Amino acid sequence: MISSERILVRNEYLKKVYKSIFKLEFLKICLINKNLDLILIEQLAFFYTLFGYKMLDIDYNPEAIIFIENGINRALKRSDELSLNINKKPILCFSFYLTNKNHQEILKKIRLIISNRINIDIIEIHLRDTKLNIIFDFIKEINNDIFPYIFSISITRDKLSNSSIEQVTKEFFNKVTNNIILEVDVFNEETEKLNNTLQVLSTADIINKEIRSRNLKFKKIPLIITSNKGSEIKNLAKQCSIEFDGLSFKNHIISINQSNLFEYEK
């Protein structure tokens, strides 16, 4: 059971974290890869912190948190040595892929995160082939507990219709927390990159017009778009007058061997 005092302190902290997302230069990196061992995750946390990323996203792995925090702390120390003026730790996020069969398992893990006081800020729920009734059942279960975290909803329009995206957003906002993030994921990672970019921007445009612009309370929901070519999608979004608050990168765009600039030391 979480004490009311701790909930108040936690909520004030989350408000500050949430406000920090409203910047176009908000960068998120996805470190979800079964081939990443804990030492490599620590090194990547070190590099991405130094390169200015604001959010590190990983699979549910409580053991990895220690290694990530080690990497971040070393990065902050190196930042001071190099006068880079990086004075804030990246936000940490756990990702879960919600399916039609695993929502109880995910809820169990989220409750373990709370009871063990695992030091993360955001829980991201990826919606793929999930049926709407399963999503709503999941939201209903969450609503029965106190989850002191920001929730990020990762969506693609090939799996959810425009009206479904709106319904899910409203359900999360009204029944779980108004500290939510919407993230538009790539349509299909195996399809041609330009098509992915256009699909992401098309979905972002619909979210802006159908959700964020129509209701004032949804206007402040941060919108993050996924890309592996930041400048390309930013320029195209600007040409199309599509607003968003940050970029999420799915692949590791930094090679450990190419990052000798910061001389990672064990």
Protein backbone atom coordinates (compact mmCIF):
# COMPACT_ATOMS: atom_id res chain seq x y z
CA MET A 1 0.00 0.00 0.00
CA ILE A 2 1.36 3.41 -0.98
CA SER A 3 1.09 6.11 1.68
CA SER A 4 -0.89 9.24 0.81
CA GLU A 5 2.17 11.39 1.56
CA ARG A 6 4.29 9.43 -0.88
CA ILE A 7 1.55 9.71 -3.53
CA LEU A 8 1.50 13.52 -3.17
CA VAL A 9 5.29 13.77 -3.43
CA ARG A 10 5.30 11.39 -6.38
CA ASN A 11 2.54 13.30 -8.18
CA GLU A 12 4.37 16.62 -7.82
CA TYR A 13 7.49 15.00 -9.25
CA LEU A 14 5.55 13.53 -12.19
CA LYS A 15 4.05 16.94 -13.00
CA LYS A 16 7.56 18.32 -13.48
CA VAL A 17 8.57 15.33 -15.60
CA TYR A 18 5.42 15.67 -17.70
CA LYS A 19 5.99 19.37 -18.39
CA SER A 20 9.53 18.64 -19.60
CA ILE A 21 8.13 16.66 -22.53
CA PHE A 22 6.59 19.68 -24.25
CA LYS A 23 9.61 20.46 -26.39
CA LEU A 24 10.30 19.72 -30.04
CA GLU A 25 13.83 18.66 -29.12
CA PHE A 26 12.55 15.98 -26.76
CA LEU A 27 14.39 12.84 -27.88
CA LYS A 28 13.62 9.28 -26.84
CA ILE A 29 15.66 6.18 -27.63
CA CYS A 30 14.27 2.66 -27.58
CA LEU A 31 16.68 0.13 -26.06
CA ILE A 32 14.33 -2.83 -26.54
CA ASN A 33 16.46 -5.58 -28.02
CA LYS A 34 16.96 -9.12 -26.78
CA ASN A 35 20.56 -9.04 -27.99
CA LEU A 36 21.52 -6.25 -25.57
CA ASP A 37 23.28 -7.51 -22.46
CA LEU A 38 23.33 -5.45 -19.27
CA ILE A 39 26.85 -4.08 -19.80
CA LEU A 40 25.95 -2.87 -23.29
CA ILE A 41 22.73 -1.29 -21.95
CA GLU A 42 24.85 0.57 -19.38
CA GLN A 43 27.18 1.82 -22.12
CA LEU A 44 24.28 2.93 -24.30
CA ALA A 45 22.69 4.77 -21.36
CA PHE A 46 26.03 6.55 -20.91
CA PHE A 47 26.27 7.62 -24.57
CA TYR A 48 22.64 8.60 -25.07
CA THR A 49 22.67 10.72 -21.92
CA LEU A 50 25.71 12.59 -23.23
CA PHE A 51 24.08 13.02 -26.64
CA GLY A 52 21.10 14.75 -25.05
CA TYR A 53 18.39 12.10 -25.11
CA LYS A 54 15.62 12.82 -22.62
CA MET A 55 14.00 9.37 -22.33
CA LEU A 56 15.43 5.84 -22.28
CA ASP A 57 12.91 3.11 -23.06
CA ILE A 58 13.57 -0.53 -22.17
CA ASP A 59 11.69 -3.81 -21.77
CA TYR A 60 10.50 -4.72 -18.30
CA ASN A 61 13.75 -5.65 -16.59
CA PRO A 62 14.24 -4.44 -13.00
CA GLU A 63 17.83 -5.71 -13.02
CA ALA A 64 18.71 -3.41 -15.92
CA ILE A 65 17.78 -0.28 -13.93
CA ILE A 66 20.96 -0.50 -11.84
CA PHE A 67 23.12 -0.67 -14.97
CA ILE A 68 21.23 2.16 -16.67
CA GLU A 69 21.59 4.39 -13.62
CA ASN A 70 25.31 3.61 -13.49
CA GLY A 71 25.61 4.66 -17.14
CA ILE A 72 23.62 7.84 -16.57
CA ASN A 73 25.60 8.83 -13.47
CA ARG A 74 28.88 8.31 -15.31
CA ALA A 75 27.55 10.40 -18.18
CA LEU A 76 26.64 13.27 -15.85
CA LYS A 77 30.10 13.13 -14.33
CA ARG A 78 31.69 13.18 -17.79
CA SER A 79 29.38 16.04 -18.77
CA ASP A 80 30.80 18.11 -15.91
CA GLU A 81 34.34 17.29 -17.01
CA LEU A 82 33.57 18.33 -20.61
CA SER A 83 31.38 21.33 -19.63
CA LEU A 84 28.42 19.96 -21.60
CA ASN A 85 25.91 21.37 -19.10
CA ILE A 86 23.78 18.23 -18.92
CA ASN A 87 22.17 18.63 -15.52
CA LYS A 88 19.11 16.37 -15.75
CA LYS A 89 18.89 12.62 -15.85
CA PRO A 90 16.92 11.08 -18.73
CA ILE A 91 13.42 9.87 -17.94
CA LEU A 92 13.24 6.09 -17.62
CA CYS A 93 10.47 4.09 -19.25
CA PHE A 94 9.39 0.44 -19.15
CA SER A 95 7.58 -0.86 -22.25
CA PHE A 96 4.91 -3.55 -22.35
CA TYR A 97 3.31 -5.03 -25.45
CA LEU A 98 -0.36 -5.56 -24.70
CA THR A 99 -1.90 -8.57 -26.46
CA ASN A 100 -5.25 -10.27 -26.24
CA LYS A 101 -3.87 -12.77 -23.74
CA ASN A 102 -1.30 -11.07 -21.51
CA HIS A 103 -3.03 -8.08 -19.87
CA GLN A 104 -3.23 -9.80 -16.47
CA GLU A 105 0.48 -10.62 -16.65
CA ILE A 106 1.29 -6.99 -17.45
CA LEU A 107 -0.83 -5.75 -14.57
CA LYS A 108 1.01 -8.11 -12.25
CA LYS A 109 4.39 -6.72 -13.39
CA ILE A 110 3.21 -3.13 -13.02
CA ARG A 111 2.09 -3.85 -9.47
CA LEU A 112 5.53 -5.36 -8.78
CA ILE A 113 7.12 -2.15 -10.06
CA ILE A 114 5.07 -0.21 -7.51
CA SER A 115 5.60 -2.55 -4.58
CA ASN A 116 9.35 -2.75 -5.23
CA ARG A 117 9.56 1.03 -5.81
CA ILE A 118 11.49 0.55 -9.04
CA ASN A 119 12.91 3.88 -10.11
CA ILE A 120 11.12 4.55 -13.41
CA ASP A 121 8.86 7.42 -14.49
CA ILE A 122 6.85 6.15 -17.45
CA ILE A 123 5.04 2.96 -18.32
CA GLU A 124 4.49 2.56 -22.04
CA ILE A 125 1.75 0.35 -23.40
CA HIS A 126 2.19 -0.76 -27.01
CA LEU A 127 -1.08 -1.56 -28.76
CA ARG A 128 -0.77 -3.80 -31.80
CA ASP A 129 -3.38 -6.44 -32.58
CA THR A 130 -5.12 -5.86 -29.27
CA LYS A 131 -8.90 -5.96 -29.34
CA LEU A 132 -10.69 -2.89 -28.03
CA ASN A 133 -12.53 -4.80 -25.32
CA ILE A 134 -9.20 -6.13 -24.00
CA ILE A 135 -7.76 -2.60 -23.95
CA PHE A 136 -10.79 -1.32 -22.06
CA ASP A 137 -10.63 -4.24 -19.59
CA PHE A 138 -6.97 -3.38 -19.01
CA ILE A 139 -7.83 0.28 -18.41
CA LYS A 140 -10.61 -0.74 -16.02
CA GLU A 141 -8.16 -2.89 -14.02
CA ILE A 142 -5.64 -0.04 -13.86
CA ASN A 143 -8.38 2.29 -12.68
CA ASN A 144 -8.93 0.05 -9.66
CA ASP A 145 -5.36 0.62 -8.43
CA ILE A 146 -3.13 3.58 -7.73
CA PHE A 147 -0.39 3.71 -10.36
CA PRO A 148 1.86 6.73 -9.69
CA TYR A 149 3.36 6.85 -13.18
CA ILE A 150 2.96 8.64 -16.46
CA PHE A 151 1.42 6.36 -19.08
CA SER A 152 2.54 6.43 -22.70
CA ILE A 153 0.28 4.86 -25.33
CA SER A 154 2.09 3.61 -28.43
CA ILE A 155 -0.23 3.22 -31.41
CA THR A 156 -0.26 2.51 -35.14
CA ARG A 157 -3.20 3.24 -37.40
CA ASP A 158 -2.94 -0.08 -39.22
CA LYS A 159 -4.11 -1.75 -36.00
CA LEU A 160 -6.44 0.90 -34.57
CA SER A 161 -8.95 2.99 -36.49
CA ASN A 162 -9.20 6.75 -36.03
CA SER A 163 -12.25 6.38 -33.79
CA SER A 164 -10.54 3.61 -31.78
CA ILE A 165 -7.49 5.79 -31.14
CA GLU A 166 -9.81 8.55 -29.90
CA GLN A 167 -11.74 6.12 -27.66
CA VAL A 168 -8.58 4.66 -26.13
CA THR A 169 -7.13 8.12 -25.50
CA LYS A 170 -10.31 9.29 -23.76
CA GLU A 171 -10.51 6.12 -21.65
CA PHE A 172 -6.92 6.44 -20.43
CA PHE A 173 -7.26 10.18 -19.81
CA ASN A 174 -10.58 10.01 -17.98
CA LYS A 175 -10.18 6.76 -16.05
CA VAL A 176 -6.44 6.36 -15.36
CA THR A 177 -4.50 9.62 -15.45
CA ASN A 178 -4.36 12.87 -17.38
CA ASN A 179 -0.57 12.47 -17.43
CA ILE A 180 -0.53 10.50 -20.66
CA ILE A 181 1.63 10.60 -23.76
CA LEU A 182 0.61 9.56 -27.26
CA GLU A 183 3.31 7.99 -29.39
CA VAL A 184 2.79 7.14 -33.05
CA ASP A 185 4.80 4.07 -33.98
CA VAL A 186 5.91 2.99 -37.45
CA PHE A 187 3.32 1.23 -39.59
CA ASN A 188 5.49 -1.80 -40.28
CA GLU A 189 9.24 -1.90 -39.66
CA GLU A 190 9.77 -4.11 -42.71
CA THR A 191 8.05 -1.78 -45.18
CA GLU A 192 9.73 0.94 -47.20
CA LYS A 193 10.98 3.77 -44.96
CA LEU A 194 9.27 6.64 -46.77
CA ASN A 195 5.93 4.85 -46.49
CA ASN A 196 6.53 4.43 -42.74
CA THR A 197 7.32 8.12 -42.39
CA LEU A 198 4.17 9.13 -44.26
CA GLN A 199 2.03 6.76 -42.19
CA VAL A 200 3.44 8.15 -38.94
CA LEU A 201 2.85 11.75 -40.02
CA SER A 202 -0.63 10.94 -41.32
CA THR A 203 -1.58 9.41 -37.96
CA ALA A 204 -0.04 12.34 -36.08
CA ASP A 205 -2.05 14.75 -38.22
CA ILE A 206 -5.28 12.88 -37.42
CA ILE A 207 -4.48 12.91 -33.68
CA ASN A 208 -3.87 16.66 -33.84
CA LYS A 209 -7.10 17.36 -35.73
CA GLU A 210 -9.43 14.79 -34.19
CA ILE A 211 -8.19 14.69 -30.59
CA ARG A 212 -5.81 17.47 -29.55
CA SER A 213 -7.55 20.33 -31.40
CA ARG A 214 -11.15 19.40 -30.67
CA ASN A 215 -10.92 19.28 -26.90
CA LEU A 216 -8.93 21.70 -24.77
CA LYS A 217 -8.16 19.10 -22.10
CA PHE A 218 -6.50 16.89 -24.74
CA LYS A 219 -4.54 19.76 -26.28
CA LYS A 220 -1.78 19.39 -23.70
CA ILE A 221 -1.22 15.67 -24.31
CA PRO A 222 2.36 15.35 -25.65
CA LEU A 223 2.63 13.74 -29.07
CA ILE A 224 5.79 11.82 -29.93
CA ILE A 225 6.46 10.41 -33.38
CA THR A 226 8.72 7.49 -34.21
CA SER A 227 11.49 7.69 -36.77
CA ASN A 228 15.01 6.58 -37.49
CA LYS A 229 15.72 9.66 -39.57
CA GLY A 230 15.09 12.63 -37.32
CA SER A 231 15.89 15.48 -39.69
CA GLU A 232 13.92 13.90 -42.54
CA ILE A 233 10.68 13.48 -40.61
CA LYS A 234 11.08 16.87 -38.88
CA ASN A 235 11.44 18.63 -42.23
CA LEU A 236 8.50 16.77 -43.74
CA ALA A 237 6.34 17.48 -40.69
CA LYS A 238 7.23 21.18 -40.95
CA GLN A 239 6.30 21.24 -44.65
CA CYS A 240 2.95 19.62 -43.82
CA SER A 241 2.34 21.83 -40.73
CA ILE A 242 2.10 18.80 -38.46
CA GLU A 243 2.91 19.60 -34.83
CA PHE A 244 4.54 17.18 -32.44
CA ASP A 245 6.50 17.34 -29.18
CA GLY A 246 9.31 14.86 -29.60
CA LEU A 247 11.01 12.12 -31.60
CA SER A 248 11.42 8.47 -30.69
CA PHE A 249 14.18 6.43 -32.30
CA LYS A 250 13.73 2.67 -32.49
CA ASN A 251 17.23 1.64 -33.52
CA HIS A 252 20.57 2.39 -31.94
CA ILE A 253 22.06 5.14 -34.05
CA ILE A 254 25.27 5.28 -32.03
CA SER A 255 27.92 2.65 -32.53
CA ILE A 256 29.96 1.85 -29.43
CA ASN A 257 33.07 1.68 -31.61
CA GLN A 258 32.32 5.12 -33.06
CA SER A 259 31.83 6.81 -29.69
CA ASN A 260 35.40 7.08 -28.51
CA LEU A 261 34.81 10.81 -28.09
CA PHE A 262 33.52 10.14 -24.61
CA GLU A 263 35.93 7.30 -23.75
CA TYR A 264 33.59 5.10 -21.76
CA GLU A 265 35.53 3.66 -18.85
CA LYS A 266 34.45 0.65 -16.84
